Each structure stands twice: as C-alpha cells, then as structure tokens.
Amino acid sequence: MKSFCLFALTTGSLASIQQQEVNQAGASIQAQTDASNANPIRKVVTMLQSMQKKVEAEGEKEKELYEKFMCYCKNAGASLGKSVGDAETKIPDVGASIDAGIAQKAQLE
C-alpha cells in the first residue's frame, strides 16, 4: 500500500509539474504571439512618429527661410530703388564722359 501511495503521489506530482510546464509554454507562446502581432504595428507607429518629427523640423526650416526671404523682399525694394535712382543720375555723366573721350581722341589724331 505504501508503494501505491508513493506511486500515486509521484504520478500526481509529475502530472502537476507537466501541467505547469504546459501552462508556462502556453503563456510563453501567447506572449510571443502577442509580441509578434504588436510588433508590426509598433514599427508602423514608430515610423509615423519619426516621419512626423522630420516633417515638423522641415516645416520649421521652411518657416525660417520664408521669414528671411520676406525680410529681404521688404528691405531690398528700398535699396534696389535707391541704386536704380543713382544709376539713372549717373547715366548722363557717363554719356558726357564718353563724348569728351571721343572728342579728345579726335583732337589727338
């Protein structure tokens, strides 16, 4: 009877150990399945977050360039107008200097 009780305890212990191993293996497989199922989604979400950061950074750069260009447009109009006015007043002086040079050349010949 002792051997039967010992055999029953041993087989019962083995059965419970095997059941625990099956449960752990099942939990491990379930965890791996969950990880593999969530992994592609996580990759896509991470990629989209990365793209969002890049787009925001590019937007900031574009905004800075736009502001610099607008500043140039506002300030360049006045300076270009002034340089055009100076050139227009200089044209008769250059024309007179050319005529004087032509007259001097004719006199020297």
PDB file of N, CA and C in Angstrom:
ATOM      1  N   MET A   1       0.812  -1.162   0.000  1.00  0.00           N
ATOM      2  CA  MET A   1       0.000   0.000   0.000  1.00  0.00           C
ATOM      3  C   MET A   1       0.871   1.246   0.000  1.00  0.00           C
ATOM      4  N   LYS A   2       2.008   1.149   0.698  1.00  0.00           N
ATOM      5  CA  LYS A   2       2.917   2.283   0.723  1.00  0.00           C
ATOM      6  C   LYS A   2       3.426   2.570  -0.675  1.00  0.00           C
ATOM      7  N   SER A   3       3.743   1.573  -1.410  1.00  0.00           N
ATOM      8  CA  SER A   3       4.264   1.798  -2.754  1.00  0.00           C
ATOM      9  C   SER A   3       3.196   2.384  -3.665  1.00  0.00           C
ATOM     10  N   PHE A   4       1.928   1.976  -3.453  1.00  0.00           N
ATOM     11  CA  PHE A   4       0.852   2.529  -4.255  1.00  0.00           C
ATOM     12  C   PHE A   4       0.681   4.010  -3.936  1.00  0.00           C
ATOM     13  N   CYS A   5       0.719   4.374  -2.641  1.00  0.00           N
ATOM     14  CA  CYS A   5       0.599   5.786  -2.247  1.00  0.00           C
ATOM     15  C   CYS A   5       1.764   6.595  -2.791  1.00  0.00           C
ATOM     16  N   LEU A   6       2.969   6.008  -2.709  1.00  0.00           N
ATOM     17  CA  LEU A   6       4.149   6.685  -3.229  1.00  0.00           C
ATOM     18  C   LEU A   6       4.029   6.846  -4.733  1.00  0.00           C
ATOM     19  N   PHE A   7       3.532   5.827  -5.412  1.00  0.00           N
ATOM     20  CA  PHE A   7       3.336   5.885  -6.858  1.00  0.00           C
ATOM     21  C   PHE A   7       2.282   6.937  -7.202  1.00  0.00           C
ATOM     22  N   ALA A   8       1.217   7.007  -6.461  1.00  0.00           N
ATOM     23  CA  ALA A   8       0.154   7.974  -6.703  1.00  0.00           C
ATOM     24  C   ALA A   8       0.657   9.396  -6.474  1.00  0.00           C
ATOM     25  N   LEU A   9       1.434   9.576  -5.409  1.00  0.00           N
ATOM     26  CA  LEU A   9       1.996  10.903  -5.140  1.00  0.00           C
ATOM     27  C   LEU A   9       2.968  11.310  -6.239  1.00  0.00           C
ATOM     28  N   THR A  10       3.790  10.363  -6.679  1.00  0.00           N
ATOM     29  CA  THR A  10       4.770  10.649  -7.716  1.00  0.00           C
ATOM     30  C   THR A  10       4.085  10.988  -9.032  1.00  0.00           C
ATOM     31  N   THR A  11       3.114  10.184  -9.419  1.00  0.00           N
ATOM     32  CA  THR A  11       2.419  10.468 -10.681  1.00  0.00           C
ATOM     33  C   THR A  11       1.610  11.750 -10.573  1.00  0.00           C
ATOM     34  N   GLY A  12       1.039  12.001  -9.409  1.00  0.00           N
ATOM     35  CA  GLY A  12       0.306  13.254  -9.210  1.00  0.00           C
ATOM     36  C   GLY A  12       1.234  14.449  -9.284  1.00  0.00           C
ATOM     37  N   SER A  13       2.415  14.318  -8.703  1.00  0.00           N
ATOM     38  CA  SER A  13       3.404  15.393  -8.765  1.00  0.00           C
ATOM     39  C   SER A  13       3.876  15.601 -10.186  1.00  0.00           C
ATOM     40  N   LEU A  14       4.128  14.525 -10.892  1.00  0.00           N
ATOM     41  CA  LEU A  14       4.554  14.619 -12.284  1.00  0.00           C
ATOM     42  C   LEU A  14       3.473  15.261 -13.133  1.00  0.00           C
ATOM     43  N   ALA A  15       2.240  14.878 -12.875  1.00  0.00           N
ATOM     44  CA  ALA A  15       1.139  15.444 -13.649  1.00  0.00           C
ATOM     45  C   ALA A  15       1.030  16.943 -13.389  1.00  0.00           C
ATOM     46  N   SER A  16       1.166  17.350 -12.131  1.00  0.00           N
ATOM     47  CA  SER A  16       1.068  18.789 -11.839  1.00  0.00           C
ATOM     48  C   SER A  16       2.266  19.543 -12.410  1.00  0.00           C
ATOM     49  N   ILE A  17       3.443  18.943 -12.375  1.00  0.00           N
ATOM     50  CA  ILE A  17       4.633  19.572 -12.962  1.00  0.00           C
ATOM     51  C   ILE A  17       4.464  19.705 -14.469  1.00  0.00           C
ATOM     52  N   GLN A  18       3.955  18.642 -15.098  1.00  0.00           N
ATOM     53  CA  GLN A  18       3.739  18.684 -16.544  1.00  0.00           C
ATOM     54  C   GLN A  18       2.692  19.738 -16.882  1.00  0.00           C
ATOM     55  N   GLN A  19       1.654  19.839 -16.081  1.00  0.00           N
ATOM     56  CA  GLN A  19       0.607  20.838 -16.319  1.00  0.00           C
ATOM     57  C   GLN A  19       1.183  22.252 -16.185  1.00  0.00           C
ATOM     58  N   GLN A  20       2.048  22.475 -15.203  1.00  0.00           N
ATOM     59  CA  GLN A  20       2.675  23.779 -15.036  1.00  0.00           C
ATOM     60  C   GLN A  20       3.561  24.105 -16.228  1.00  0.00           C
ATOM     61  N   GLU A  21       4.295  23.110 -16.714  1.00  0.00           N
ATOM     62  CA  GLU A  21       5.146  23.330 -17.883  1.00  0.00           C
ATOM     63  C   GLU A  21       4.314  23.660 -19.109  1.00  0.00           C
ATOM     64  N   VAL A  22       3.195  22.962 -19.270  1.00  0.00           N
ATOM     65  CA  VAL A  22       2.307  23.235 -20.398  1.00  0.00           C
ATOM     66  C   VAL A  22       1.741  24.644 -20.273  1.00  0.00           C
ATOM     67  N   ASN A  23       1.340  25.013 -19.066  1.00  0.00           N
ATOM     68  CA  ASN A  23       0.803  26.361 -18.857  1.00  0.00           C
ATOM     69  C   ASN A  23       1.860  27.425 -19.141  1.00  0.00           C
ATOM     70  N   GLN A  24       3.089  27.178 -18.679  1.00  0.00           N
ATOM     71  CA  GLN A  24       4.171  28.135 -18.931  1.00  0.00           C
ATOM     72  C   GLN A  24       4.492  28.208 -20.414  1.00  0.00           C
ATOM     73  N   ALA A  25       4.501  27.050 -21.080  1.00  0.00           N
ATOM     74  CA  ALA A  25       4.771  27.036 -22.518  1.00  0.00           C
ATOM     75  C   ALA A  25       3.660  27.752 -23.267  1.00  0.00           C
ATOM     76  N   GLY A  26       2.433  27.511 -22.846  1.00  0.00           N
ATOM     77  CA  GLY A  26       1.301  28.193 -23.480  1.00  0.00           C
ATOM     78  C   GLY A  26       1.371  29.692 -23.268  1.00  0.00           C
ATOM     79  N   ALA A  27       1.729  30.107 -22.064  1.00  0.00           N
ATOM     80  CA  ALA A  27       1.863  31.529 -21.778  1.00  0.00           C
ATOM     81  C   ALA A  27       3.003  32.132 -22.586  1.00  0.00           C
ATOM     82  N   SER A  28       4.081  31.371 -22.719  1.00  0.00           N
ATOM     83  CA  SER A  28       5.220  31.849 -23.496  1.00  0.00           C
ATOM     84  C   SER A  28       4.847  31.994 -24.967  1.00  0.00           C
ATOM     85  N   ILE A  29       4.138  31.009 -25.486  1.00  0.00           N
ATOM     86  CA  ILE A  29       3.701  31.069 -26.890  1.00  0.00           C
ATOM     87  C   ILE A  29       2.734  32.229 -27.070  1.00  0.00           C
ATOM     88  N   GLN A  30       1.836  32.418 -26.122  1.00  0.00           N
ATOM     89  CA  GLN A  30       0.881  33.520 -26.193  1.00  0.00           C
ATOM     90  C   GLN A  30       1.610  34.865 -26.158  1.00  0.00           C
ATOM     91  N   ALA A  31       2.618  34.971 -25.305  1.00  0.00           N
ATOM     92  CA  ALA A  31       3.391  36.215 -25.220  1.00  0.00           C
ATOM     93  C   ALA A  31       4.136  36.474 -26.525  1.00  0.00           C
ATOM     94  N   GLN A  32       4.702  35.426 -27.105  1.00  0.00           N
ATOM     95  CA  GLN A  32       5.407  35.584 -28.377  1.00  0.00           C
ATOM     96  C   GLN A  32       4.442  35.965 -29.479  1.00  0.00           C
ATOM     97  N   THR A  33       3.251  35.369 -29.464  1.00  0.00           N
ATOM     98  CA  THR A  33       2.248  35.697 -30.472  1.00  0.00           C
ATOM     99  C   THR A  33       1.811  37.147 -30.316  1.00  0.00           C
ATOM    100  N   ASP A  34       1.581  37.560 -29.061  1.00  0.00           N
ATOM    101  CA  ASP A  34       1.196  38.948 -28.821  1.00  0.00           C
ATOM    102  C   ASP A  34       2.299  39.902 -29.268  1.00  0.00           C
ATOM    103  N   ALA A  35       3.537  39.542 -28.958  1.00  0.00           N
ATOM    104  CA  ALA A  35       4.660  40.402 -29.332  1.00  0.00           C
ATOM    105  C   ALA A  35       4.795  40.476 -30.845  1.00  0.00           C
ATOM    106  N   SER A  36       4.632  39.334 -31.515  1.00  0.00           N
ATOM    107  CA  SER A  36       4.780  39.354 -32.971  1.00  0.00           C
ATOM    108  C   SER A  36       3.606  40.066 -33.626  1.00  0.00           C
ATOM    109  N   ASN A  37       2.428  39.975 -33.029  1.00  0.00           N
ATOM    110  CA  ASN A  37       1.276  40.687 -33.577  1.00  0.00           C
ATOM    111  C   ASN A  37       1.383  42.182 -33.334  1.00  0.00           C
ATOM    112  N   ALA A  38       1.891  42.591 -32.206  1.00  0.00           N
ATOM    113  CA  ALA A  38       2.009  44.010 -31.887  1.00  0.00           C
ATOM    114  C   ALA A  38       3.237  44.624 -32.543  1.00  0.00           C
ATOM    115  N   ASN A  39       4.219  43.837 -32.834  1.00  0.00           N
ATOM    116  CA  ASN A  39       5.486  44.335 -33.351  1.00  0.00           C
ATOM    117  C   ASN A  39       5.335  45.096 -34.669  1.00  0.00           C
ATOM    118  N   PRO A  40       4.638  44.571 -35.676  1.00  0.00           N
ATOM    119  CA  PRO A  40       4.499  45.348 -36.919  1.00  0.00           C
ATOM    120  C   PRO A  40       3.750  46.658 -36.707  1.00  0.00           C
ATOM    121  N   ILE A  41       2.762  46.630 -35.851  1.00  0.00           N
ATOM    122  CA  ILE A  41       2.016  47.854 -35.577  1.00  0.00           C
ATOM    123  C   ILE A  41       2.922  48.858 -34.881  1.00  0.00           C
ATOM    124  N   ARG A  42       3.706  48.392 -33.941  1.00  0.00           N
ATOM    125  CA  ARG A  42       4.631  49.271 -33.224  1.00  0.00           C
ATOM    126  C   ARG A  42       5.633  49.861 -34.195  1.00  0.00           C
ATOM    127  N   LYS A  43       6.087  49.022 -35.151  1.00  0.00           N
ATOM    128  CA  LYS A  43       7.040  49.531 -36.147  1.00  0.00           C
ATOM    129  C   LYS A  43       6.411  50.647 -36.971  1.00  0.00           C
ATOM    130  N   VAL A  44       5.161  50.444 -37.386  1.00  0.00           N
ATOM    131  CA  VAL A  44       4.482  51.458 -38.201  1.00  0.00           C
ATOM    132  C   VAL A  44       4.270  52.726 -37.387  1.00  0.00           C
ATOM    133  N   VAL A  45       3.846  52.577 -36.146  1.00  0.00           N
ATOM    134  CA  VAL A  45       3.617  53.745 -35.295  1.00  0.00           C
ATOM    135  C   VAL A  45       4.922  54.502 -35.077  1.00  0.00           C
ATOM    136  N   THR A  46       5.989  53.765 -34.825  1.00  0.00           N
ATOM    137  CA  THR A  46       7.295  54.405 -34.625  1.00  0.00           C
ATOM    138  C   THR A  46       7.738  55.129 -35.894  1.00  0.00           C
ATOM    139  N   MET A  47       7.524  54.492 -37.039  1.00  0.00           N
ATOM    140  CA  MET A  47       7.899  55.111 -38.307  1.00  0.00           C
ATOM    141  C   MET A  47       7.095  56.393 -38.534  1.00  0.00           C
ATOM    142  N   LEU A  48       5.799  56.345 -38.244  1.00  0.00           N
ATOM    143  CA  LEU A  48       4.968  57.534 -38.423  1.00  0.00           C
ATOM    144  C   LEU A  48       5.378  58.650 -37.472  1.00  0.00           C
ATOM    145  N   GLN A  49       5.733  58.307 -36.249  1.00  0.00           N
ATOM    146  CA  GLN A  49       6.194  59.314 -35.304  1.00  0.00           C
ATOM    147  C   GLN A  49       7.500  59.932 -35.774  1.00  0.00           C
ATOM    148  N   SER A  50       8.379  59.114 -36.321  1.00  0.00           N
ATOM    149  CA  SER A  50       9.647  59.620 -36.852  1.00  0.00           C
ATOM    150  C   SER A  50       9.397  60.558 -38.029  1.00  0.00           C
ATOM    151  N   MET A  51       8.489  60.148 -38.912  1.00  0.00           N
ATOM    152  CA  MET A  51       8.165  60.996 -40.057  1.00  0.00           C
ATOM    153  C   MET A  51       7.558  62.316 -39.600  1.00  0.00           C
ATOM    154  N   GLN A  52       6.724  62.275 -38.570  1.00  0.00           N
ATOM    155  CA  GLN A  52       6.110  63.493 -38.052  1.00  0.00           C
ATOM    156  C   GLN A  52       7.176  64.450 -37.534  1.00  0.00           C
ATOM    157  N   LYS A  53       8.157  63.925 -36.824  1.00  0.00           N
ATOM    158  CA  LYS A  53       9.235  64.773 -36.308  1.00  0.00           C
ATOM    159  C   LYS A  53      10.019  65.400 -37.455  1.00  0.00           C
ATOM    160  N   LYS A  54      10.303  64.602 -38.503  1.00  0.00           N
ATOM    161  CA  LYS A  54      11.046  65.128 -39.651  1.00  0.00           C
ATOM    162  C   LYS A  54      10.252  66.219 -40.363  1.00  0.00           C
ATOM    163  N   VAL A  55       8.955  65.994 -40.537  1.00  0.00           N
ATOM    164  CA  VAL A  55       8.118  66.983 -41.227  1.00  0.00           C
ATOM    165  C   VAL A  55       8.047  68.270 -40.412  1.00  0.00           C
ATOM    166  N   GLU A  56       7.928  68.150 -39.095  1.00  0.00           N
ATOM    167  CA  GLU A  56       7.899  69.347 -38.255  1.00  0.00           C
ATOM    168  C   GLU A  56       9.225  70.099 -38.336  1.00  0.00           C
ATOM    169  N   ALA A  57      10.342  69.373 -38.362  1.00  0.00           N
ATOM    170  CA  ALA A  57      11.652  70.017 -38.469  1.00  0.00           C
ATOM    171  C   ALA A  57      11.785  70.723 -39.817  1.00  0.00           C
ATOM    172  N   GLU A  58      11.343  70.064 -40.894  1.00  0.00           N
ATOM    173  CA  GLU A  58      11.393  70.687 -42.215  1.00  0.00           C
ATOM    174  C   GLU A  58      10.498  71.920 -42.260  1.00  0.00           C
ATOM    175  N   GLY A  59       9.342  71.841 -41.600  1.00  0.00           N
ATOM    176  CA  GLY A  59       8.430  72.991 -41.546  1.00  0.00           C
ATOM    177  C   GLY A  59       9.069  74.179 -40.857  1.00  0.00           C
ATOM    178  N   GLU A  60       9.796  73.921 -39.786  1.00  0.00           N
ATOM    179  CA  GLU A  60      10.492  74.995 -39.079  1.00  0.00           C
ATOM    180  C   GLU A  60      11.560  75.630 -39.975  1.00  0.00           C
ATOM    181  N   LYS A  61      12.308  74.788 -40.687  1.00  0.00           N
ATOM    182  CA  LYS A  61      13.337  75.320 -41.594  1.00  0.00           C
ATOM    183  C   LYS A  61      12.703  76.161 -42.692  1.00  0.00           C
ATOM    184  N   GLU A  62      11.598  75.655 -43.261  1.00  0.00           N
ATOM    185  CA  GLU A  62      10.917  76.392 -44.321  1.00  0.00           C
ATOM    186  C   GLU A  62      10.376  77.723 -43.795  1.00  0.00           C
ATOM    187  N   LYS A  63       9.881  77.725 -42.575  1.00  0.00           N
ATOM    188  CA  LYS A  63       9.364  78.953 -41.981  1.00  0.00           C
ATOM    189  C   LYS A  63      10.476  79.980 -41.813  1.00  0.00           C
ATOM    190  N   GLU A  64      11.639  79.525 -41.338  1.00  0.00           N
ATOM    191  CA  GLU A  64      12.777  80.435 -41.184  1.00  0.00           C
ATOM    192  C   GLU A  64      13.210  80.999 -42.532  1.00  0.00           C
ATOM    193  N   LEU A  65      13.291  80.141 -43.559  1.00  0.00           N
ATOM    194  CA  LEU A  65      13.672  80.613 -44.890  1.00  0.00           C
ATOM    195  C   LEU A  65      12.654  81.608 -45.438  1.00  0.00           C
ATOM    196  N   TYR A  66      11.385  81.342 -45.206  1.00  0.00           N
ATOM    197  CA  TYR A  66      10.338  82.251 -45.664  1.00  0.00           C
ATOM    198  C   TYR A  66      10.476  83.616 -44.999  1.00  0.00           C
ATOM    199  N   GLU A  67      10.717  83.601 -43.680  1.00  0.00           N
ATOM    200  CA  GLU A  67      10.874  84.864 -42.965  1.00  0.00           C
ATOM    201  C   GLU A  67      12.093  85.637 -43.458  1.00  0.00           C
ATOM    202  N   LYS A  68      13.195  84.936 -43.727  1.00  0.00           N
ATOM    203  CA  LYS A  68      14.387  85.609 -44.263  1.00  0.00           C
ATOM    204  C   LYS A  68      14.100  86.196 -45.637  1.00  0.00           C
ATOM    205  N   PHE A  69      13.388  85.439 -46.479  1.00  0.00           N
ATOM    206  CA  PHE A  69      13.072  85.916 -47.819  1.00  0.00           C
ATOM    207  C   PHE A  69      12.160  87.136 -47.753  1.00  0.00           C
ATOM    208  N   MET A  70      11.166  87.095 -46.876  1.00  0.00           N
ATOM    209  CA  MET A  70      10.256  88.232 -46.751  1.00  0.00           C
ATOM    210  C   MET A  70      11.002  89.463 -46.237  1.00  0.00           C
ATOM    211  N   CYS A  71      11.936  89.267 -45.336  1.00  0.00           N
ATOM    212  CA  CYS A  71      12.746  90.386 -44.847  1.00  0.00           C
ATOM    213  C   CYS A  71      13.567  90.964 -45.999  1.00  0.00           C
ATOM    214  N   TYR A  72      14.143  90.078 -46.816  1.00  0.00           N
ATOM    215  CA  TYR A  72      14.923  90.521 -47.972  1.00  0.00           C
ATOM    216  C   TYR A  72      14.034  91.305 -48.931  1.00  0.00           C
ATOM    217  N   CYS A  73      12.827  90.787 -49.173  1.00  0.00           N
ATOM    218  CA  CYS A  73      11.929  91.464 -50.112  1.00  0.00           C
ATOM    219  C   CYS A  73      11.555  92.859 -49.619  1.00  0.00           C
ATOM    220  N   LYS A  74      11.301  92.973 -48.330  1.00  0.00           N
ATOM    221  CA  LYS A  74      10.921  94.276 -47.777  1.00  0.00           C
ATOM    222  C   LYS A  74      12.086  95.257 -47.822  1.00  0.00           C
ATOM    223  N   ASN A  75      13.275  94.798 -47.477  1.00  0.00           N
ATOM    224  CA  ASN A  75      14.439  95.689 -47.417  1.00  0.00           C
ATOM    225  C   ASN A  75      15.084  95.898 -48.778  1.00  0.00           C
ATOM    226  N   ALA A  76      15.023  94.912 -49.647  1.00  0.00           N
ATOM    227  CA  ALA A  76      15.691  95.006 -50.939  1.00  0.00           C
ATOM    228  C   ALA A  76      14.991  95.993 -51.851  1.00  0.00           C
ATOM    229  N   GLY A  77      13.690  96.148 -51.715  1.00  0.00           N
ATOM    230  CA  GLY A  77      12.957  97.084 -52.574  1.00  0.00           C
ATOM    231  C   GLY A  77      13.491  98.490 -52.442  1.00  0.00           C
ATOM    232  N   ALA A  78      13.743  98.922 -51.226  1.00  0.00           N
ATOM    233  CA  ALA A  78      14.243 100.283 -50.991  1.00  0.00           C
ATOM    234  C   ALA A  78      15.675 100.431 -51.500  1.00  0.00           C
ATOM    235  N   SER A  79      16.522  99.439 -51.192  1.00  0.00           N
ATOM    236  CA  SER A  79      17.922  99.559 -51.621  1.00  0.00           C
ATOM    237  C   SER A  79      18.047  99.437 -53.138  1.00  0.00           C
ATOM    238  N   LEU A  80      17.242  98.579 -53.765  1.00  0.00           N
ATOM    239  CA  LEU A  80      17.292  98.479 -55.227  1.00  0.00           C
ATOM    240  C   LEU A  80      16.762  99.756 -55.872  1.00  0.00           C
ATOM    241  N   GLY A  81      15.719 100.327 -55.307  1.00  0.00           N
ATOM    242  CA  GLY A  81      15.180 101.595 -55.835  1.00  0.00           C
ATOM    243  C   GLY A  81      16.220 102.696 -55.757  1.00  0.00           C
ATOM    244  N   LYS A  82      16.953 102.739 -54.654  1.00  0.00           N
ATOM    245  CA  LYS A  82      17.995 103.756 -54.487  1.00  0.00           C
ATOM    246  C   LYS A  82      19.105 103.557 -55.504  1.00  0.00           C
ATOM    247  N   SER A  83      19.532 102.288 -55.704  1.00  0.00           N
ATOM    248  CA  SER A  83      20.610 102.032 -56.664  1.00  0.00           C
ATOM    249  C   SER A  83      20.156 102.329 -58.093  1.00  0.00           C
ATOM    250  N   VAL A  84      18.904 102.068 -58.418  1.00  0.00           N
ATOM    251  CA  VAL A  84      18.387 102.409 -59.750  1.00  0.00           C
ATOM    252  C   VAL A  84      18.368 103.925 -59.933  1.00  0.00           C
ATOM    253  N   GLY A  85      17.945 104.640 -58.909  1.00  0.00           N
ATOM    254  CA  GLY A  85      17.932 106.112 -58.980  1.00  0.00           C
ATOM    255  C   GLY A  85      19.333 106.668 -59.158  1.00  0.00           C
ATOM    256  N   ASP A  86      20.302 106.104 -58.427  1.00  0.00           N
ATOM    257  CA  ASP A  86      21.690 106.548 -58.563  1.00  0.00           C
ATOM    258  C   ASP A  86      22.210 106.271 -59.976  1.00  0.00           C
ATOM    259  N   ALA A  87      21.865 105.104 -60.512  1.00  0.00           N
ATOM    260  CA  ALA A  87      22.320 104.750 -61.866  1.00  0.00           C
ATOM    261  C   ALA A  87      21.711 105.688 -62.906  1.00  0.00           C
ATOM    262  N   GLU A  88      20.447 106.052 -62.716  1.00  0.00           N
ATOM    263  CA  GLU A  88      19.797 106.949 -63.677  1.00  0.00           C
ATOM    264  C   GLU A  88      20.429 108.347 -63.654  1.00  0.00           C
ATOM    265  N   THR A  89      20.851 108.793 -62.492  1.00  0.00           N
ATOM    266  CA  THR A  89      21.503 110.097 -62.436  1.00  0.00           C
ATOM    267  C   THR A  89      22.937 110.012 -62.973  1.00  0.00           C
ATOM    268  N   LYS A  90      23.525 108.841 -62.911  1.00  0.00           N
ATOM    269  CA  LYS A  90      24.896 108.668 -63.381  1.00  0.00           C
ATOM    270  C   LYS A  90      24.960 108.510 -64.896  1.00  0.00           C
ATOM    271  N   ILE A  91      23.876 108.107 -65.536  1.00  0.00           N
ATOM    272  CA  ILE A  91      23.868 107.864 -66.989  1.00  0.00           C
ATOM    273  C   ILE A  91      24.276 109.120 -67.768  1.00  0.00           C
ATOM    274  N   PRO A  92      23.720 110.304 -67.508  1.00  0.00           N
ATOM    275  CA  PRO A  92      24.151 111.491 -68.278  1.00  0.00           C
ATOM    276  C   PRO A  92      25.637 111.820 -68.061  1.00  0.00           C
ATOM    277  N   ASP A  93      26.133 111.589 -66.830  1.00  0.00           N
ATOM    278  CA  ASP A  93      27.545 111.860 -66.560  1.00  0.00           C
ATOM    279  C   ASP A  93      28.431 110.924 -67.383  1.00  0.00           C
ATOM    280  N   VAL A  94      28.050 109.638 -67.444  1.00  0.00           N
ATOM    281  CA  VAL A  94      28.838 108.665 -68.219  1.00  0.00           C
ATOM    282  C   VAL A  94      28.763 109.020 -69.709  1.00  0.00           C
ATOM    283  N   GLY A  95      27.568 109.424 -70.175  1.00  0.00           N
ATOM    284  CA  GLY A  95      27.417 109.831 -71.588  1.00  0.00           C
ATOM    285  C   GLY A  95      28.298 111.021 -71.909  1.00  0.00           C
ATOM    286  N   ALA A  96      28.336 111.998 -71.016  1.00  0.00           N
ATOM    287  CA  ALA A  96      29.166 113.187 -71.223  1.00  0.00           C
ATOM    288  C   ALA A  96      30.634 112.804 -71.212  1.00  0.00           C
ATOM    289  N   SER A  97      31.027 111.899 -70.335  1.00  0.00           N
ATOM    290  CA  SER A  97      32.416 111.465 -70.281  1.00  0.00           C
ATOM    291  C   SER A  97      32.805 110.711 -71.555  1.00  0.00           C
ATOM    292  N   ILE A  98      31.889 109.955 -72.117  1.00  0.00           N
ATOM    293  CA  ILE A  98      32.167 109.245 -73.382  1.00  0.00           C
ATOM    294  C   ILE A  98      32.341 110.258 -74.521  1.00  0.00           C
ATOM    295  N   ASP A  99      31.441 111.234 -74.563  1.00  0.00           N
ATOM    296  CA  ASP A  99      31.558 112.266 -75.601  1.00  0.00           C
ATOM    297  C   ASP A  99      32.884 113.020 -75.472  1.00  0.00           C
ATOM    298  N   ALA A 100      33.303 113.308 -74.239  1.00  0.00           N
ATOM    299  CA  ALA A 100      34.572 114.009 -74.025  1.00  0.00           C
ATOM    300  C   ALA A 100      35.733 113.128 -74.478  1.00  0.00           C
ATOM    301  N   GLY A 101      35.661 111.847 -74.212  1.00  0.00           N
ATOM    302  CA  GLY A 101      36.714 110.930 -74.640  1.00  0.00           C
ATOM    303  C   GLY A 101      36.800 110.835 -76.147  1.00  0.00           C
ATOM    304  N   ILE A 102      35.638 110.829 -76.829  1.00  0.00           N
ATOM    305  CA  ILE A 102      35.617 110.781 -78.291  1.00  0.00           C
ATOM    306  C   ILE A 102      36.213 112.061 -78.849  1.00  0.00           C
ATOM    307  N   ALA A 103      35.877 113.212 -78.271  1.00  0.00           N
ATOM    308  CA  ALA A 103      36.393 114.494 -78.733  1.00  0.00           C
ATOM    309  C   ALA A 103      37.889 114.574 -78.516  1.00  0.00           C
ATOM    310  N   GLN A 104      38.376 114.068 -77.376  1.00  0.00           N
ATOM    311  CA  GLN A 104      39.812 114.082 -77.107  1.00  0.00           C
ATOM    312  C   GLN A 104      40.544 113.185 -78.096  1.00  0.00           C
ATOM    313  N   LYS A 105      39.967 112.039 -78.411  1.00  0.00           N
ATOM    314  CA  LYS A 105      40.586 111.116 -79.361  1.00  0.00           C
ATOM    315  C   LYS A 105      40.701 111.774 -80.743  1.00  0.00           C
ATOM    316  N   ALA A 106      39.610 112.461 -81.143  1.00  0.00           N
ATOM    317  CA  ALA A 106      39.622 113.123 -82.453  1.00  0.00           C
ATOM    318  C   ALA A 106      40.662 114.239 -82.475  1.00  0.00           C
ATOM    319  N   GLN A 107      40.809 114.950 -81.398  1.00  0.00           N
ATOM    320  CA  GLN A 107      41.784 116.033 -81.329  1.00  0.00           C
ATOM    321  C   GLN A 107      43.214 115.484 -81.381  1.00  0.00           C
ATOM    322  N   LEU A 108      43.457 114.346 -80.702  1.00  0.00           N
ATOM    323  CA  LEU A 108      44.798 113.753 -80.692  1.00  0.00           C
ATOM    324  C   LEU A 108      45.161 113.158 -82.050  1.00  0.00           C
ATOM    325  N   GLU A 109      44.193 112.734 -82.796  1.00  0.00           N
ATOM    326  CA  GLU A 109      44.501 112.173 -84.119  1.00  0.00           C
ATOM    327  C   GLU A 109      44.844 113.293 -85.062  1.00  0.00           C
TER     328      GLU A 109
END
